Amino acid sequence: MQLSLLVIGKTDSAQIETEIKRYESRLKHYLPFELRVIPDVRRGSKLSAEDQKRAEGEELLRYITPTDQVYLFDERGKSYTSRAFASFIERAMVSGLRRMVLVIGGPYGFTPEVYERANGLVSLSQMTFSHQMVRLFAIEQLYRAQTIIRGEPYHHD
Protein backbone atom coordinates (compact mmCIF):
# COMPACT_ATOMS: atom_id res chain seq x y z
CA MET A 1 0.00 0.00 0.00
CA GLN A 2 1.16 3.50 -0.77
CA LEU A 3 0.56 6.08 1.93
CA SER A 4 0.18 9.72 0.91
CA LEU A 5 -0.08 12.80 3.08
CA LEU A 6 -1.51 15.83 1.29
CA VAL A 7 -1.01 19.19 2.95
CA ILE A 8 -1.84 22.76 1.99
CA GLY A 9 1.01 25.27 1.95
CA LYS A 10 4.70 25.17 2.75
CA THR A 11 6.14 25.01 6.23
CA ASP A 12 7.88 28.27 7.06
CA SER A 13 9.65 26.91 10.15
CA ALA A 14 13.06 25.39 9.41
CA GLN A 15 12.95 23.39 12.66
CA ILE A 16 9.56 21.84 11.91
CA GLU A 17 10.58 21.13 8.30
CA THR A 18 13.71 19.34 9.54
CA GLU A 19 11.65 17.10 11.82
CA ILE A 20 9.09 16.40 9.09
CA LYS A 21 11.86 15.34 6.71
CA ARG A 22 13.36 13.11 9.40
CA TYR A 23 10.08 11.22 9.90
CA GLU A 24 9.41 11.16 6.16
CA SER A 25 12.77 9.47 5.61
CA ARG A 26 12.05 6.94 8.37
CA LEU A 27 8.58 6.15 7.01
CA LYS A 28 9.96 5.32 3.57
CA HIS A 29 11.82 2.36 5.11
CA TYR A 30 8.47 0.72 5.86
CA LEU A 31 6.24 1.46 2.88
CA PRO A 32 5.98 3.75 -0.13
CA PHE A 33 5.26 7.17 1.32
CA GLU A 34 4.62 10.49 -0.37
CA LEU A 35 4.32 13.89 1.28
CA ARG A 36 2.72 16.23 -1.24
CA VAL A 37 2.60 19.93 -0.48
CA ILE A 38 -0.11 21.71 -2.44
CA PRO A 39 0.69 25.40 -2.83
CA ASP A 40 -1.55 27.53 -0.69
CA VAL A 41 -3.85 30.05 -2.25
CA ARG A 42 -2.73 33.44 -1.06
CA ARG A 43 -5.57 35.28 0.55
CA GLY A 44 -5.62 38.64 -1.16
CA SER A 45 -7.94 41.52 -0.59
CA LYS A 46 -10.28 40.16 -3.30
CA LEU A 47 -10.29 36.53 -2.08
CA SER A 48 -12.68 35.67 0.73
CA ALA A 49 -12.05 32.85 3.19
CA GLU A 50 -14.75 30.84 1.43
CA ASP A 51 -13.13 31.41 -1.97
CA GLN A 52 -9.76 30.36 -0.58
CA LYS A 53 -11.26 27.19 0.90
CA ARG A 54 -12.97 26.40 -2.41
CA ALA A 55 -9.74 26.87 -4.41
CA GLU A 56 -7.81 24.68 -1.96
CA GLY A 57 -10.53 22.02 -2.14
CA GLU A 58 -10.36 21.93 -5.93
CA GLU A 59 -6.59 21.48 -5.77
CA LEU A 60 -6.85 18.69 -3.19
CA LEU A 61 -9.38 16.79 -5.27
CA ARG A 62 -7.07 16.92 -8.32
CA TYR A 63 -4.57 14.73 -6.45
CA ILE A 64 -7.08 12.10 -5.36
CA THR A 65 -8.01 9.18 -7.61
CA PRO A 66 -11.35 7.34 -7.57
CA THR A 67 -9.79 4.24 -5.98
CA ASP A 68 -8.02 6.08 -3.13
CA GLN A 69 -9.19 5.71 0.45
CA VAL A 70 -9.22 9.28 1.75
CA TYR A 71 -9.15 10.37 5.40
CA LEU A 72 -9.23 13.97 6.49
CA PHE A 73 -7.52 15.18 9.64
CA ASP A 74 -10.37 17.02 11.32
CA GLU A 75 -11.05 17.88 14.97
CA ARG A 76 -14.50 16.25 14.64
CA GLY A 77 -12.99 13.00 13.40
CA LYS A 78 -12.51 9.73 15.20
CA SER A 79 -9.94 9.84 17.99
CA TYR A 80 -7.47 6.99 18.25
CA THR A 81 -4.81 5.92 20.68
CA SER A 82 -1.49 5.34 18.96
CA ARG A 83 -2.04 1.57 19.10
CA ALA A 84 -5.57 1.86 17.70
CA PHE A 85 -4.31 4.13 14.92
CA ALA A 86 -1.63 1.55 14.11
CA SER A 87 -4.34 -1.12 13.88
CA PHE A 88 -6.37 1.14 11.58
CA ILE A 89 -3.34 1.58 9.27
CA GLU A 90 -2.48 -2.12 9.42
CA ARG A 91 -6.02 -3.16 8.43
CA ALA A 92 -5.73 -0.91 5.39
CA MET A 93 -2.32 -2.37 4.54
CA VAL A 94 -3.50 -5.99 4.61
CA SER A 95 -6.81 -5.27 2.87
CA GLY A 96 -5.21 -4.97 -0.55
CA LEU A 97 -5.78 -1.23 -0.67
CA ARG A 98 -3.49 0.39 -3.22
CA ARG A 99 -3.32 3.90 -1.77
CA MET A 100 -4.45 5.61 1.40
CA VAL A 101 -4.48 9.40 1.34
CA LEU A 102 -4.50 11.42 4.54
CA VAL A 103 -5.25 15.12 4.12
CA ILE A 104 -4.45 18.19 6.19
CA GLY A 105 -6.48 21.13 4.91
CA GLY A 106 -5.86 24.83 4.90
CA PRO A 107 -6.66 27.33 7.65
CA TYR A 108 -10.38 27.44 6.81
CA GLY A 109 -10.93 23.69 6.62
CA PHE A 110 -12.51 21.67 3.84
CA THR A 111 -15.29 22.28 1.35
CA PRO A 112 -18.41 20.09 1.32
CA GLU A 113 -17.05 18.41 -1.83
CA VAL A 114 -13.88 17.32 -0.04
CA TYR A 115 -15.90 16.04 2.94
CA GLU A 116 -18.14 14.10 0.53
CA ARG A 117 -15.12 12.46 -1.13
CA ALA A 118 -13.58 11.43 2.18
CA ASN A 119 -13.99 7.90 3.50
CA GLY A 120 -13.62 9.17 7.06
CA LEU A 121 -12.30 11.75 9.47
CA VAL A 122 -9.40 11.31 11.88
CA SER A 123 -8.77 13.57 14.85
CA LEU A 124 -5.35 14.17 16.34
CA SER A 125 -6.94 16.22 19.09
CA GLN A 126 -9.99 18.32 19.84
CA MET A 127 -7.62 21.24 20.26
CA THR A 128 -6.62 23.43 17.35
CA PHE A 129 -2.97 23.41 16.25
CA SER A 130 -1.15 25.32 13.56
CA HIS A 131 -1.13 23.51 10.23
CA GLN A 132 2.64 23.25 10.48
CA MET A 133 2.46 21.46 13.81
CA VAL A 134 -0.36 19.17 12.64
CA ARG A 135 1.72 17.85 9.77
CA LEU A 136 4.59 17.06 12.14
CA PHE A 137 2.21 15.32 14.58
CA ALA A 138 0.56 13.39 11.74
CA ILE A 139 3.78 12.16 10.16
CA GLU A 140 5.20 11.19 13.55
CA GLN A 141 2.05 9.16 14.29
CA LEU A 142 2.31 7.45 10.90
CA TYR A 143 5.90 6.50 11.71
CA ARG A 144 4.89 5.39 15.20
CA ALA A 145 2.14 3.22 13.68
CA GLN A 146 4.69 1.42 11.53
CA THR A 147 6.95 0.71 14.50
CA ILE A 148 3.98 -0.59 16.51
CA ILE A 149 2.89 -2.84 13.63
CA ARG A 150 6.40 -4.33 13.50
CA GLY A 151 6.84 -4.58 17.26
CA GLU A 152 9.81 -2.23 17.28
CA PRO A 153 10.81 -0.44 20.49
CA TYR A 154 9.82 3.14 19.56
CA HIS A 155 6.41 3.23 21.25
CA HIS A 156 6.05 2.77 25.01
CA ASP A 157 2.71 2.15 26.71
C-alpha atoms as a PDB file:
ATOM      1  CA  MET A   1       0.000   0.000   0.000  1.00  0.00           C
ATOM      2  CA  GLN A   2       1.164   3.497  -0.765  1.00  0.00           C
ATOM      3  CA  LEU A   3       0.561   6.078   1.932  1.00  0.00           C
ATOM      4  CA  SER A   4       0.178   9.715   0.907  1.00  0.00           C
ATOM      5  CA  LEU A   5      -0.083  12.795   3.082  1.00  0.00           C
ATOM      6  CA  LEU A   6      -1.514  15.826   1.287  1.00  0.00           C
ATOM      7  CA  VAL A   7      -1.012  19.193   2.946  1.00  0.00           C
ATOM      8  CA  ILE A   8      -1.844  22.761   1.994  1.00  0.00           C
ATOM      9  CA  GLY A   9       1.008  25.267   1.951  1.00  0.00           C
ATOM     10  CA  LYS A  10       4.696  25.167   2.746  1.00  0.00           C
ATOM     11  CA  THR A  11       6.135  25.010   6.229  1.00  0.00           C
ATOM     12  CA  ASP A  12       7.881  28.266   7.064  1.00  0.00           C
ATOM     13  CA  SER A  13       9.651  26.915  10.147  1.00  0.00           C
ATOM     14  CA  ALA A  14      13.055  25.389   9.412  1.00  0.00           C
ATOM     15  CA  GLN A  15      12.945  23.389  12.661  1.00  0.00           C
ATOM     16  CA  ILE A  16       9.555  21.841  11.911  1.00  0.00           C
ATOM     17  CA  GLU A  17      10.579  21.133   8.302  1.00  0.00           C
ATOM     18  CA  THR A  18      13.710  19.338   9.537  1.00  0.00           C
ATOM     19  CA  GLU A  19      11.648  17.104  11.818  1.00  0.00           C
ATOM     20  CA  ILE A  20       9.085  16.403   9.088  1.00  0.00           C
ATOM     21  CA  LYS A  21      11.856  15.343   6.707  1.00  0.00           C
ATOM     22  CA  ARG A  22      13.361  13.107   9.396  1.00  0.00           C
ATOM     23  CA  TYR A  23      10.084  11.218   9.898  1.00  0.00           C
ATOM     24  CA  GLU A  24       9.411  11.165   6.158  1.00  0.00           C
ATOM     25  CA  SER A  25      12.773   9.465   5.611  1.00  0.00           C
ATOM     26  CA  ARG A  26      12.053   6.944   8.369  1.00  0.00           C
ATOM     27  CA  LEU A  27       8.584   6.154   7.012  1.00  0.00           C
ATOM     28  CA  LYS A  28       9.958   5.322   3.571  1.00  0.00           C
ATOM     29  CA  HIS A  29      11.824   2.364   5.106  1.00  0.00           C
ATOM     30  CA  TYR A  30       8.470   0.716   5.856  1.00  0.00           C
ATOM     31  CA  LEU A  31       6.237   1.457   2.878  1.00  0.00           C
ATOM     32  CA  PRO A  32       5.980   3.747  -0.126  1.00  0.00           C
ATOM     33  CA  PHE A  33       5.257   7.174   1.316  1.00  0.00           C
ATOM     34  CA  GLU A  34       4.622  10.488  -0.373  1.00  0.00           C
ATOM     35  CA  LEU A  35       4.323  13.888   1.277  1.00  0.00           C
ATOM     36  CA  ARG A  36       2.723  16.229  -1.239  1.00  0.00           C
ATOM     37  CA  VAL A  37       2.595  19.934  -0.484  1.00  0.00           C
ATOM     38  CA  ILE A  38      -0.106  21.706  -2.438  1.00  0.00           C
ATOM     39  CA  PRO A  39       0.691  25.395  -2.833  1.00  0.00           C
ATOM     40  CA  ASP A  40      -1.555  27.534  -0.686  1.00  0.00           C
ATOM     41  CA  VAL A  41      -3.848  30.052  -2.250  1.00  0.00           C
ATOM     42  CA  ARG A  42      -2.725  33.439  -1.057  1.00  0.00           C
ATOM     43  CA  ARG A  43      -5.574  35.280   0.546  1.00  0.00           C
ATOM     44  CA  GLY A  44      -5.622  38.639  -1.161  1.00  0.00           C
ATOM     45  CA  SER A  45      -7.942  41.517  -0.589  1.00  0.00           C
ATOM     46  CA  LYS A  46     -10.278  40.159  -3.296  1.00  0.00           C
ATOM     47  CA  LEU A  47     -10.287  36.532  -2.083  1.00  0.00           C
ATOM     48  CA  SER A  48     -12.677  35.667   0.728  1.00  0.00           C
ATOM     49  CA  ALA A  49     -12.046  32.851   3.185  1.00  0.00           C
ATOM     50  CA  GLU A  50     -14.752  30.839   1.432  1.00  0.00           C
ATOM     51  CA  ASP A  51     -13.134  31.406  -1.973  1.00  0.00           C
ATOM     52  CA  GLN A  52      -9.755  30.358  -0.581  1.00  0.00           C
ATOM     53  CA  LYS A  53     -11.263  27.193   0.902  1.00  0.00           C
ATOM     54  CA  ARG A  54     -12.972  26.398  -2.406  1.00  0.00           C
ATOM     55  CA  ALA A  55      -9.737  26.869  -4.405  1.00  0.00           C
ATOM     56  CA  GLU A  56      -7.813  24.675  -1.965  1.00  0.00           C
ATOM     57  CA  GLY A  57     -10.533  22.019  -2.135  1.00  0.00           C
ATOM     58  CA  GLU A  58     -10.362  21.931  -5.929  1.00  0.00           C
ATOM     59  CA  GLU A  59      -6.588  21.481  -5.769  1.00  0.00           C
ATOM     60  CA  LEU A  60      -6.851  18.693  -3.186  1.00  0.00           C
ATOM     61  CA  LEU A  61      -9.380  16.789  -5.271  1.00  0.00           C
ATOM     62  CA  ARG A  62      -7.073  16.921  -8.315  1.00  0.00           C
ATOM     63  CA  TYR A  63      -4.569  14.730  -6.449  1.00  0.00           C
ATOM     64  CA  ILE A  64      -7.084  12.101  -5.359  1.00  0.00           C
ATOM     65  CA  THR A  65      -8.008   9.180  -7.612  1.00  0.00           C
ATOM     66  CA  PRO A  66     -11.353   7.342  -7.573  1.00  0.00           C
ATOM     67  CA  THR A  67      -9.791   4.237  -5.977  1.00  0.00           C
ATOM     68  CA  ASP A  68      -8.025   6.079  -3.131  1.00  0.00           C
ATOM     69  CA  GLN A  69      -9.190   5.708   0.454  1.00  0.00           C
ATOM     70  CA  VAL A  70      -9.222   9.280   1.753  1.00  0.00           C
ATOM     71  CA  TYR A  71      -9.155  10.367   5.399  1.00  0.00           C
ATOM     72  CA  LEU A  72      -9.230  13.973   6.492  1.00  0.00           C
ATOM     73  CA  PHE A  73      -7.524  15.179   9.637  1.00  0.00           C
ATOM     74  CA  ASP A  74     -10.375  17.017  11.318  1.00  0.00           C
ATOM     75  CA  GLU A  75     -11.046  17.879  14.971  1.00  0.00           C
ATOM     76  CA  ARG A  76     -14.502  16.255  14.638  1.00  0.00           C
ATOM     77  CA  GLY A  77     -12.994  13.005  13.404  1.00  0.00           C
ATOM     78  CA  LYS A  78     -12.511   9.730  15.202  1.00  0.00           C
ATOM     79  CA  SER A  79      -9.939   9.843  17.986  1.00  0.00           C
ATOM     80  CA  TYR A  80      -7.468   6.993  18.251  1.00  0.00           C
ATOM     81  CA  THR A  81      -4.807   5.923  20.679  1.00  0.00           C
ATOM     82  CA  SER A  82      -1.486   5.337  18.957  1.00  0.00           C
ATOM     83  CA  ARG A  83      -2.039   1.574  19.099  1.00  0.00           C
ATOM     84  CA  ALA A  84      -5.572   1.857  17.701  1.00  0.00           C
ATOM     85  CA  PHE A  85      -4.311   4.131  14.921  1.00  0.00           C
ATOM     86  CA  ALA A  86      -1.628   1.554  14.110  1.00  0.00           C
ATOM     87  CA  SER A  87      -4.341  -1.120  13.876  1.00  0.00           C
ATOM     88  CA  PHE A  88      -6.370   1.138  11.577  1.00  0.00           C
ATOM     89  CA  ILE A  89      -3.343   1.576   9.273  1.00  0.00           C
ATOM     90  CA  GLU A  90      -2.476  -2.124   9.420  1.00  0.00           C
ATOM     91  CA  ARG A  91      -6.023  -3.157   8.434  1.00  0.00           C
ATOM     92  CA  ALA A  92      -5.731  -0.906   5.387  1.00  0.00           C
ATOM     93  CA  MET A  93      -2.320  -2.370   4.536  1.00  0.00           C
ATOM     94  CA  VAL A  94      -3.496  -5.992   4.609  1.00  0.00           C
ATOM     95  CA  SER A  95      -6.810  -5.266   2.870  1.00  0.00           C
ATOM     96  CA  GLY A  96      -5.209  -4.972  -0.551  1.00  0.00           C
ATOM     97  CA  LEU A  97      -5.776  -1.227  -0.675  1.00  0.00           C
ATOM     98  CA  ARG A  98      -3.489   0.388  -3.220  1.00  0.00           C
ATOM     99  CA  ARG A  99      -3.318   3.900  -1.773  1.00  0.00           C
ATOM    100  CA  MET A 100      -4.454   5.607   1.398  1.00  0.00           C
ATOM    101  CA  VAL A 101      -4.477   9.397   1.337  1.00  0.00           C
ATOM    102  CA  LEU A 102      -4.500  11.423   4.538  1.00  0.00           C
ATOM    103  CA  VAL A 103      -5.248  15.124   4.118  1.00  0.00           C
ATOM    104  CA  ILE A 104      -4.451  18.192   6.192  1.00  0.00           C
ATOM    105  CA  GLY A 105      -6.480  21.126   4.914  1.00  0.00           C
ATOM    106  CA  GLY A 106      -5.860  24.833   4.897  1.00  0.00           C
ATOM    107  CA  PRO A 107      -6.663  27.333   7.647  1.00  0.00           C
ATOM    108  CA  TYR A 108     -10.378  27.439   6.808  1.00  0.00           C
ATOM    109  CA  GLY A 109     -10.931  23.693   6.624  1.00  0.00           C
ATOM    110  CA  PHE A 110     -12.510  21.668   3.841  1.00  0.00           C
ATOM    111  CA  THR A 111     -15.291  22.276   1.353  1.00  0.00           C
ATOM    112  CA  PRO A 112     -18.409  20.091   1.324  1.00  0.00           C
ATOM    113  CA  GLU A 113     -17.053  18.410  -1.831  1.00  0.00           C
ATOM    114  CA  VAL A 114     -13.884  17.324  -0.041  1.00  0.00           C
ATOM    115  CA  TYR A 115     -15.902  16.040   2.936  1.00  0.00           C
ATOM    116  CA  GLU A 116     -18.139  14.102   0.530  1.00  0.00           C
ATOM    117  CA  ARG A 117     -15.121  12.464  -1.133  1.00  0.00           C
ATOM    118  CA  ALA A 118     -13.584  11.432   2.183  1.00  0.00           C
ATOM    119  CA  ASN A 119     -13.989   7.901   3.500  1.00  0.00           C
ATOM    120  CA  GLY A 120     -13.617   9.165   7.057  1.00  0.00           C
ATOM    121  CA  LEU A 121     -12.297  11.751   9.466  1.00  0.00           C
ATOM    122  CA  VAL A 122      -9.401  11.307  11.878  1.00  0.00           C
ATOM    123  CA  SER A 123      -8.773  13.567  14.850  1.00  0.00           C
ATOM    124  CA  LEU A 124      -5.352  14.169  16.338  1.00  0.00           C
ATOM    125  CA  SER A 125      -6.942  16.224  19.094  1.00  0.00           C
ATOM    126  CA  GLN A 126      -9.989  18.325  19.836  1.00  0.00           C
ATOM    127  CA  MET A 127      -7.615  21.243  20.262  1.00  0.00           C
ATOM    128  CA  THR A 128      -6.619  23.432  17.346  1.00  0.00           C
ATOM    129  CA  PHE A 129      -2.973  23.406  16.252  1.00  0.00           C
ATOM    130  CA  SER A 130      -1.150  25.320  13.559  1.00  0.00           C
ATOM    131  CA  HIS A 131      -1.129  23.513  10.235  1.00  0.00           C
ATOM    132  CA  GLN A 132       2.637  23.250  10.476  1.00  0.00           C
ATOM    133  CA  MET A 133       2.457  21.460  13.813  1.00  0.00           C
ATOM    134  CA  VAL A 134      -0.360  19.174  12.639  1.00  0.00           C
ATOM    135  CA  ARG A 135       1.718  17.845   9.769  1.00  0.00           C
ATOM    136  CA  LEU A 136       4.587  17.064  12.142  1.00  0.00           C
ATOM    137  CA  PHE A 137       2.211  15.323  14.581  1.00  0.00           C
ATOM    138  CA  ALA A 138       0.558  13.388  11.740  1.00  0.00           C
ATOM    139  CA  ILE A 139       3.778  12.161  10.157  1.00  0.00           C
ATOM    140  CA  GLU A 140       5.197  11.192  13.547  1.00  0.00           C
ATOM    141  CA  GLN A 141       2.052   9.159  14.285  1.00  0.00           C
ATOM    142  CA  LEU A 142       2.308   7.453  10.898  1.00  0.00           C
ATOM    143  CA  TYR A 143       5.896   6.498  11.706  1.00  0.00           C
ATOM    144  CA  ARG A 144       4.892   5.393  15.205  1.00  0.00           C
ATOM    145  CA  ALA A 145       2.144   3.222  13.684  1.00  0.00           C
ATOM    146  CA  GLN A 146       4.693   1.420  11.526  1.00  0.00           C
ATOM    147  CA  THR A 147       6.950   0.708  14.502  1.00  0.00           C
ATOM    148  CA  ILE A 148       3.979  -0.590  16.511  1.00  0.00           C
ATOM    149  CA  ILE A 149       2.888  -2.836  13.626  1.00  0.00           C
ATOM    150  CA  ARG A 150       6.396  -4.329  13.498  1.00  0.00           C
ATOM    151  CA  GLY A 151       6.842  -4.584  17.257  1.00  0.00           C
ATOM    152  CA  GLU A 152       9.812  -2.232  17.279  1.00  0.00           C
ATOM    153  CA  PRO A 153      10.811  -0.440  20.489  1.00  0.00           C
ATOM    154  CA  TYR A 154       9.823   3.139  19.555  1.00  0.00           C
ATOM    155  CA  HIS A 155       6.411   3.234  21.248  1.00  0.00           C
ATOM    156  CA  HIS A 156       6.051   2.772  25.007  1.00  0.00           C
ATOM    157  CA  ASP A 157       2.714   2.154  26.707  1.00  0.00           C
END
